[in-house]
Amino acid sequence: MTHPVSLTVARLDGPAAERAEADLTLVHADAFAEPPYRETGDDVRAAFRRFRDTNRNPTFRAALARTPDGTPVGMAYGAHLGPGTGWWDALTAPVPDAVRREDGRRTFGLVELAVRLPWRGHGVARRLHETLLDGLAAERVVLHVHPAGEAAQAAYRSWGYRKFGEARPRTGADLHDVLFLDLRRGPAGCSGGSA
């Protein structure tokens, strides 16, 4: 397949992402149908129930990549972790209080980043990531990634993420790696676990 070089990547706020939910769902369903994820229709519906909760966060932001004809090819979204977050509780090892302290601005949780198979290997994920984080006022970014998702693992590491620990993002989920990007030091200065 020939890939258009003129993909557009737009940042979306909560209301715009809500209007684009069908496109985000299409990307998610397509990207996570394959191994190691093998998500079913029920999994996708559950993911978008969680999406609607995340979308209500006033710090929510998303990025959506489309071809010139409007076909959605990739997406990313997340929000800042609030003071009462249970995000750190999912880790398998205790997290020091200095790391888990949240004020609604300190940590951006990258919930999803996905690119449909035919458009992988063309820098779409990097563009989505850069668009999502552009102008972000946060000290750090955290995310969960499946350990068998080799391409995702390689991309995140090349962008400066380091492994901080392991977690089950939700009941019944596979164990995931928790990756951390320190935005204060930039990609070259990151060191997992030194949050």
Foldseek 3Di string as FASTA:
>chain_A
DDDDPPKDKDKDALVVCVVCVVLVLVQVCQFQCDPPRVDDPVNSVVVVVVVNVQSPQRQKMKMWIADPVGRTFKMWIWAFADQPDCQQVQFPDDADPVVNGGHRQAEIETEDIGGHVVPPPSCPSVVRVCNRCVPRRYQKYKYWDAPPPVVVVVVVLVQQWDFQGWGQRDPPRDITTMIMHGPVVGRVPDDHNPD
